[in-house]
C-alpha atoms as a PDB file:
ATOM      1  CA  UNK A   1     -13.294 -17.369  43.447  1.00  0.00           C
ATOM      2  CA  UNK A   2     -14.207 -16.923  39.789  1.00  0.00           C
ATOM      3  CA  UNK A   3     -15.360 -19.863  37.692  1.00  0.00           C
ATOM      4  CA  UNK A   4     -15.939 -19.045  34.012  1.00  0.00           C
ATOM      5  CA  UNK A   5     -19.255 -20.315  32.757  1.00  0.00           C
ATOM      6  CA  UNK A   6     -18.033 -20.527  29.179  1.00  0.00           C
ATOM      7  CA  UNK A   7     -14.911 -22.449  28.172  1.00  0.00           C
ATOM      8  CA  UNK A   8     -12.201 -20.549  26.371  1.00  0.00           C
ATOM      9  CA  UNK A   9     -12.216 -20.540  22.575  1.00  0.00           C
ATOM     10  CA  UNK A  10      -9.076 -22.660  22.591  1.00  0.00           C
ATOM     11  CA  UNK A  11     -10.714 -25.275  24.846  1.00  0.00           C
ATOM     12  CA  UNK A  12     -13.803 -25.423  22.636  1.00  0.00           C
ATOM     13  CA  UNK A  13     -11.733 -25.900  19.487  1.00  0.00           C
ATOM     14  CA  UNK A  14      -9.595 -28.543  21.189  1.00  0.00           C
ATOM     15  CA  UNK A  15     -12.669 -30.404  22.392  1.00  0.00           C
ATOM     16  CA  UNK A  16     -14.272 -30.315  18.959  1.00  0.00           C
ATOM     17  CA  UNK A  17     -11.101 -31.473  17.281  1.00  0.00           C
ATOM     18  CA  UNK A  18     -10.748 -34.285  19.779  1.00  0.00           C
ATOM     19  CA  UNK A  19     -14.187 -35.548  18.871  1.00  0.00           C
ATOM     20  CA  UNK A  20     -14.011 -34.864  15.137  1.00  0.00           C
ATOM     21  CA  UNK A  21     -10.679 -36.492  14.390  1.00  0.00           C
ATOM     22  CA  UNK A  22     -11.914 -39.872  15.651  1.00  0.00           C
ATOM     23  CA  UNK A  23     -14.106 -40.350  12.573  1.00  0.00           C
ATOM     24  CA  UNK A  24     -11.459 -39.537   9.916  1.00  0.00           C
ATOM     25  CA  UNK A  25      -8.902 -41.724  11.675  1.00  0.00           C
ATOM     26  CA  UNK A  26     -11.428 -44.590  11.805  1.00  0.00           C
ATOM     27  CA  UNK A  27     -12.166 -44.187   8.078  1.00  0.00           C
ATOM     28  CA  UNK A  28      -8.470 -44.102   7.194  1.00  0.00           C
ATOM     29  CA  UNK A  29      -7.809 -47.262   9.208  1.00  0.00           C
ATOM     30  CA  UNK A  30     -10.646 -49.088   7.467  1.00  0.00           C
ATOM     31  CA  UNK A  31      -9.532 -47.956   4.024  1.00  0.00           C
ATOM     32  CA  UNK A  32      -6.021 -49.108   4.836  1.00  0.00           C
ATOM     33  CA  UNK A  33      -7.345 -52.513   5.890  1.00  0.00           C
ATOM     34  CA  UNK A  34      -9.289 -52.859   2.652  1.00  0.00           C
ATOM     35  CA  UNK A  35      -6.261 -51.837   0.606  1.00  0.00           C
ATOM     36  CA  UNK A  36      -4.097 -54.342   2.480  1.00  0.00           C
ATOM     37  CA  UNK A  37      -6.621 -57.078   1.739  1.00  0.00           C
ATOM     38  CA  UNK A  38      -6.388 -56.579  -2.043  1.00  0.00           C
ATOM     39  CA  UNK A  39      -2.794 -55.389  -2.328  1.00  0.00           C
ATOM     40  CA  UNK A  40      -0.512 -58.071  -3.694  1.00  0.00           C
ATOM     41  CA  UNK A  41      -3.314 -60.471  -4.698  1.00  0.00           C
ATOM     42  CA  UNK A  42      -2.266 -61.566  -8.159  1.00  0.00           C
ATOM     43  CA  UNK A  43      -4.683 -63.093 -10.712  1.00  0.00           C
ATOM     44  CA  UNK A  44      -4.785 -66.836 -10.187  1.00  0.00           C
ATOM     45  CA  UNK A  45      -6.370 -69.947 -11.646  1.00  0.00           C
ATOM     46  CA  UNK A  46      -7.882 -72.112  -8.939  1.00  0.00           C
ATOM     47  CA  UNK A  47      -9.891 -75.289  -8.492  1.00  0.00           C
ATOM     48  CA  UNK A  48     -12.783 -75.223  -6.020  1.00  0.00           C
ATOM     49  CA  UNK A  49     -15.336 -77.722  -4.726  1.00  0.00           C
ATOM     50  CA  UNK A  50     -19.021 -76.762  -4.427  1.00  0.00           C
ATOM     51  CA  UNK A  51     -20.215 -76.751  -0.798  1.00  0.00           C
ATOM     52  CA  UNK A  52     -23.942 -77.065  -1.508  1.00  0.00           C
ATOM     53  CA  UNK A  53     -26.019 -78.318  -4.447  1.00  0.00           C
ATOM     54  CA  UNK A  54     -27.073 -76.117  -7.352  1.00  0.00           C
ATOM     55  CA  UNK A  55     -30.149 -77.405  -9.168  1.00  0.00           C
ATOM     56  CA  UNK A  56     -32.883 -75.847 -11.273  1.00  0.00           C
ATOM     57  CA  UNK A  57     -35.431 -77.675  -9.108  1.00  0.00           C
ATOM     58  CA  UNK A  58     -34.335 -76.348  -5.700  1.00  0.00           C
ATOM     59  CA  UNK A  59     -31.994 -73.368  -6.199  1.00  0.00           C
ATOM     60  CA  UNK A  60     -33.577 -69.917  -6.203  1.00  0.00           C
ATOM     61  CA  UNK A  61     -32.461 -66.433  -7.202  1.00  0.00           C
ATOM     62  CA  UNK A  62     -30.569 -64.808  -4.320  1.00  0.00           C
ATOM     63  CA  UNK A  63     -29.270 -68.085  -2.860  1.00  0.00           C
ATOM     64  CA  UNK A  64     -25.653 -68.094  -1.729  1.00  0.00           C
ATOM     65  CA  UNK A  65     -23.155 -70.124  -3.750  1.00  0.00           C
ATOM     66  CA  UNK A  66     -19.946 -71.159  -2.014  1.00  0.00           C
ATOM     67  CA  UNK A  67     -16.989 -73.350  -2.910  1.00  0.00           C
ATOM     68  CA  UNK A  68     -13.872 -74.450  -1.023  1.00  0.00           C
ATOM     69  CA  UNK A  69     -10.556 -73.880  -2.773  1.00  0.00           C
ATOM     70  CA  UNK A  70      -8.594 -77.093  -3.406  1.00  0.00           C
ATOM     71  CA  UNK A  71      -5.740 -75.689  -5.488  1.00  0.00           C
ATOM     72  CA  UNK A  72      -3.333 -73.919  -5.523  1.00  0.00           C
ATOM     73  CA  UNK A  73      -1.843 -74.964  -2.199  1.00  0.00           C
ATOM     74  CA  UNK A  74      -1.330 -71.390  -0.974  1.00  0.00           C
ATOM     75  CA  UNK A  75      -5.097 -70.779  -1.134  1.00  0.00           C
ATOM     76  CA  UNK A  76      -6.228 -74.246  -0.063  1.00  0.00           C
ATOM     77  CA  UNK A  77      -9.173 -74.046   2.324  1.00  0.00           C
ATOM     78  CA  UNK A  78     -10.183 -70.512   1.345  1.00  0.00           C
ATOM     79  CA  UNK A  79     -13.890 -70.027   0.632  1.00  0.00           C
ATOM     80  CA  UNK A  80     -15.148 -68.525  -2.591  1.00  0.00           C
ATOM     81  CA  UNK A  81     -18.586 -66.961  -2.157  1.00  0.00           C
ATOM     82  CA  UNK A  82     -21.188 -65.612  -4.553  1.00  0.00           C
ATOM     83  CA  UNK A  83     -24.895 -65.602  -5.292  1.00  0.00           C
ATOM     84  CA  UNK A  84     -27.426 -66.938  -7.757  1.00  0.00           C
ATOM     85  CA  UNK A  85     -28.715 -64.360 -10.244  1.00  0.00           C
ATOM     86  CA  UNK A  86     -31.226 -66.385 -12.257  1.00  0.00           C
ATOM     87  CA  UNK A  87     -32.691 -69.911 -12.452  1.00  0.00           C
ATOM     88  CA  UNK A  88     -34.623 -71.253 -15.425  1.00  0.00           C
ATOM     89  CA  UNK A  89     -36.258 -74.638 -15.763  1.00  0.00           C
ATOM     90  CA  UNK A  90     -36.710 -76.404 -19.066  1.00  0.00           C
ATOM     91  CA  UNK A  91     -40.131 -74.847 -19.600  1.00  0.00           C
ATOM     92  CA  UNK A  92     -42.899 -76.299 -21.743  1.00  0.00           C
ATOM     93  CA  UNK A  93     -40.383 -77.534 -24.317  1.00  0.00           C
ATOM     94  CA  UNK A  94     -38.456 -79.393 -21.618  1.00  0.00           C
ATOM     95  CA  UNK A  95     -35.169 -77.888 -22.827  1.00  0.00           C
ATOM     96  CA  UNK A  96     -32.535 -75.299 -21.997  1.00  0.00           C
ATOM     97  CA  UNK A  97     -32.507 -75.358 -18.200  1.00  0.00           C
ATOM     98  CA  UNK A  98     -29.945 -72.921 -16.810  1.00  0.00           C
ATOM     99  CA  UNK A  99     -28.508 -71.284 -13.696  1.00  0.00           C
ATOM    100  CA  UNK A 100     -26.772 -67.909 -13.675  1.00  0.00           C
ATOM    101  CA  UNK A 101     -24.471 -67.059 -10.766  1.00  0.00           C
ATOM    102  CA  UNK A 102     -21.472 -64.955  -9.847  1.00  0.00           C
ATOM    103  CA  UNK A 103     -18.589 -65.371  -7.407  1.00  0.00           C
ATOM    104  CA  UNK A 104     -17.676 -62.037  -5.809  1.00  0.00           C
ATOM    105  CA  UNK A 105     -15.719 -62.664  -2.581  1.00  0.00           C
ATOM    106  CA  UNK A 106     -12.732 -64.774  -1.542  1.00  0.00           C
ATOM    107  CA  UNK A 107     -12.511 -65.435   2.211  1.00  0.00           C
ATOM    108  CA  UNK A 108      -8.989 -66.269   3.405  1.00  0.00           C
ATOM    109  CA  UNK A 109      -7.577 -66.493   6.946  1.00  0.00           C
ATOM    110  CA  UNK A 110      -7.091 -62.898   8.102  1.00  0.00           C
ATOM    111  CA  UNK A 111      -8.481 -61.217   4.985  1.00  0.00           C
ATOM    112  CA  UNK A 112     -11.412 -60.975   2.617  1.00  0.00           C
ATOM    113  CA  UNK A 113     -10.858 -59.991  -1.003  1.00  0.00           C
ATOM    114  CA  UNK A 114     -13.556 -58.800  -3.429  1.00  0.00           C
ATOM    115  CA  UNK A 115     -12.979 -60.656  -6.674  1.00  0.00           C
ATOM    116  CA  UNK A 116     -14.210 -61.162 -10.201  1.00  0.00           C
ATOM    117  CA  UNK A 117     -14.301 -64.727 -11.497  1.00  0.00           C
ATOM    118  CA  UNK A 118     -14.276 -66.388 -14.899  1.00  0.00           C
ATOM    119  CA  UNK A 119     -15.408 -70.012 -15.073  1.00  0.00           C
ATOM    120  CA  UNK A 120     -13.032 -72.015 -17.272  1.00  0.00           C
ATOM    121  CA  UNK A 121     -14.429 -75.512 -16.806  1.00  0.00           C
ATOM    122  CA  UNK A 122     -16.447 -77.660 -14.422  1.00  0.00           C
ATOM    123  CA  UNK A 123     -16.952 -81.288 -13.465  1.00  0.00           C
ATOM    124  CA  UNK A 124     -19.804 -83.043 -11.708  1.00  0.00           C
ATOM    125  CA  UNK A 125     -19.407 -84.657  -8.292  1.00  0.00           C
ATOM    126  CA  UNK A 126     -18.958 -87.879 -10.277  1.00  0.00           C
ATOM    127  CA  UNK A 127     -15.896 -86.270 -11.903  1.00  0.00           C
ATOM    128  CA  UNK A 128     -17.428 -86.077 -15.352  1.00  0.00           C
ATOM    129  CA  UNK A 129     -16.029 -82.995 -17.064  1.00  0.00           C
ATOM    130  CA  UNK A 130     -18.457 -80.426 -18.517  1.00  0.00           C
ATOM    131  CA  UNK A 131     -21.474 -82.458 -17.386  1.00  0.00           C
ATOM    132  CA  UNK A 132     -23.944 -82.313 -14.512  1.00  0.00           C
ATOM    133  CA  UNK A 133     -24.707 -85.091 -12.036  1.00  0.00           C
ATOM    134  CA  UNK A 134     -27.330 -86.565 -14.340  1.00  0.00           C
ATOM    135  CA  UNK A 135     -24.679 -86.941 -17.032  1.00  0.00           C
ATOM    136  CA  UNK A 136     -26.059 -84.117 -19.168  1.00  0.00           C
ATOM    137  CA  UNK A 137     -23.594 -81.970 -21.096  1.00  0.00           C
ATOM    138  CA  UNK A 138     -23.251 -78.442 -19.692  1.00  0.00           C
ATOM    139  CA  UNK A 139     -22.503 -75.356 -21.744  1.00  0.00           C
ATOM    140  CA  UNK A 140     -20.734 -72.488 -20.006  1.00  0.00           C
ATOM    141  CA  UNK A 141     -21.946 -69.103 -21.168  1.00  0.00           C
ATOM    142  CA  UNK A 142     -20.922 -65.596 -20.237  1.00  0.00           C
ATOM    143  CA  UNK A 143     -22.280 -62.132 -20.862  1.00  0.00           C
ATOM    144  CA  UNK A 144     -20.588 -60.781 -23.961  1.00  0.00           C
ATOM    145  CA  UNK A 145     -20.569 -57.457 -25.779  1.00  0.00           C
ATOM    146  CA  UNK A 146     -23.991 -55.901 -26.188  1.00  0.00           C
ATOM    147  CA  UNK A 147     -25.440 -57.970 -23.325  1.00  0.00           C
ATOM    148  CA  UNK A 148     -25.704 -61.130 -25.391  1.00  0.00           C
ATOM    149  CA  UNK A 149     -24.445 -64.555 -24.455  1.00  0.00           C
ATOM    150  CA  UNK A 150     -21.490 -66.327 -25.994  1.00  0.00           C
ATOM    151  CA  UNK A 151     -19.878 -69.648 -25.181  1.00  0.00           C
ATOM    152  CA  UNK A 152     -16.806 -69.385 -23.006  1.00  0.00           C
ATOM    153  CA  UNK A 153     -14.808 -71.220 -25.642  1.00  0.00           C
ATOM    154  CA  UNK A 154     -15.356 -68.520 -28.245  1.00  0.00           C
ATOM    155  CA  UNK A 155     -15.204 -65.681 -25.717  1.00  0.00           C
ATOM    156  CA  UNK A 156     -11.713 -66.698 -24.626  1.00  0.00           C
ATOM    157  CA  UNK A 157     -10.333 -66.781 -28.171  1.00  0.00           C
ATOM    158  CA  UNK A 158      -9.060 -63.716 -29.950  1.00  0.00           C
ATOM    159  CA  UNK A 159      -7.781 -63.413 -33.504  1.00  0.00           C
ATOM    160  CA  UNK A 160      -4.458 -64.987 -32.567  1.00  0.00           C
ATOM    161  CA  UNK A 161      -6.082 -67.955 -30.847  1.00  0.00           C
ATOM    162  CA  UNK A 162      -4.960 -66.791 -27.390  1.00  0.00           C
ATOM    163  CA  UNK A 163      -7.008 -66.053 -24.307  1.00  0.00           C
ATOM    164  CA  UNK A 164      -8.682 -62.666 -24.157  1.00  0.00           C
ATOM    165  CA  UNK A 165      -8.521 -61.122 -20.679  1.00  0.00           C
ATOM    166  CA  UNK A 166     -10.761 -58.135 -21.443  1.00  0.00           C
ATOM    167  CA  UNK A 167     -13.259 -56.933 -18.857  1.00  0.00           C
ATOM    168  CA  UNK A 168     -16.342 -58.284 -20.645  1.00  0.00           C
ATOM    169  CA  UNK A 169     -15.420 -61.697 -19.251  1.00  0.00           C
ATOM    170  CA  UNK A 170     -15.970 -60.701 -15.630  1.00  0.00           C
ATOM    171  CA  UNK A 171     -19.784 -60.713 -15.523  1.00  0.00           C
ATOM    172  CA  UNK A 172     -22.198 -63.341 -14.249  1.00  0.00           C
ATOM    173  CA  UNK A 173     -21.728 -66.941 -15.385  1.00  0.00           C
ATOM    174  CA  UNK A 174     -24.555 -68.963 -16.902  1.00  0.00           C
ATOM    175  CA  UNK A 175     -24.422 -72.745 -17.138  1.00  0.00           C
ATOM    176  CA  UNK A 176     -27.077 -74.542 -19.170  1.00  0.00           C
ATOM    177  CA  UNK A 177     -28.186 -77.879 -20.542  1.00  0.00           C
ATOM    178  CA  UNK A 178     -30.447 -78.825 -23.433  1.00  0.00           C
ATOM    179  CA  UNK A 179     -32.695 -80.708 -21.003  1.00  0.00           C
ATOM    180  CA  UNK A 180     -35.534 -79.972 -18.587  1.00  0.00           C
ATOM    181  CA  UNK A 181     -33.268 -79.672 -15.536  1.00  0.00           C
ATOM    182  CA  UNK A 182     -29.700 -79.094 -14.410  1.00  0.00           C
ATOM    183  CA  UNK A 183     -28.147 -80.541 -11.276  1.00  0.00           C
ATOM    184  CA  UNK A 184     -24.727 -80.106  -9.662  1.00  0.00           C
ATOM    185  CA  UNK A 185     -24.293 -81.913  -6.343  1.00  0.00           C
ATOM    186  CA  UNK A 186     -22.058 -80.962  -3.439  1.00  0.00           C
ATOM    187  CA  UNK A 187     -18.486 -81.789  -4.419  1.00  0.00           C
ATOM    188  CA  UNK A 188     -18.845 -80.704  -8.031  1.00  0.00           C
ATOM    189  CA  UNK A 189     -15.751 -78.781  -9.057  1.00  0.00           C
ATOM    190  CA  UNK A 190     -15.060 -75.502 -10.816  1.00  0.00           C
ATOM    191  CA  UNK A 191     -11.843 -74.287 -12.405  1.00  0.00           C
ATOM    192  CA  UNK A 192     -11.865 -70.486 -12.336  1.00  0.00           C
ATOM    193  CA  UNK A 193      -9.680 -67.530 -13.149  1.00  0.00           C
ATOM    194  CA  UNK A 194      -9.831 -65.106 -10.192  1.00  0.00           C
ATOM    195  CA  UNK A 195      -8.759 -61.471 -10.026  1.00  0.00           C
ATOM    196  CA  UNK A 196      -8.973 -58.912  -7.219  1.00  0.00           C
ATOM    197  CA  UNK A 197     -11.739 -56.417  -7.904  1.00  0.00           C
ATOM    198  CA  UNK A 198     -11.209 -52.703  -7.393  1.00  0.00           C
ATOM    199  CA  UNK A 199     -13.653 -51.068  -4.967  1.00  0.00           C
END
């Protein structure tokens, strides 16, 4: 009886194809899952509660920042996640303490959406608007054109006095005080404008 030592050309091609198609199919499935996660996610304004403190005394660059969504109802319980980009104490002058951070991911049941976030306002855990937990007034700043900083109030106004939704408002957020330190306790709240981010 004759047993060929080498498989036929057709068998070799079939075997190769059987192994090679697994990778493209896997990639396509993953891309489809990512597309499904962002598809249909409309820009939304939400209110979220800080899950851990942010202070110039203890927070460090690279730390995770997370907040639980309180409103709107359809996103209630979702977790907004980001990271700290920069922390500055008041320095020798004892003024201008600041924290720069960015939210980049929204975790919802069954899906995770990469997002860009614009901070509209904040309140301390004591419910004092635009102030930290020591009662110090907080200024919200955002990277503007040319890499400079501008207050969110002026950045959101255009010539007609309406909100400007241009892309320069999607960078890292910096909050600052004119004091030696800045402190936001767990439970402090952010109001943010969130949009799905293209990958």
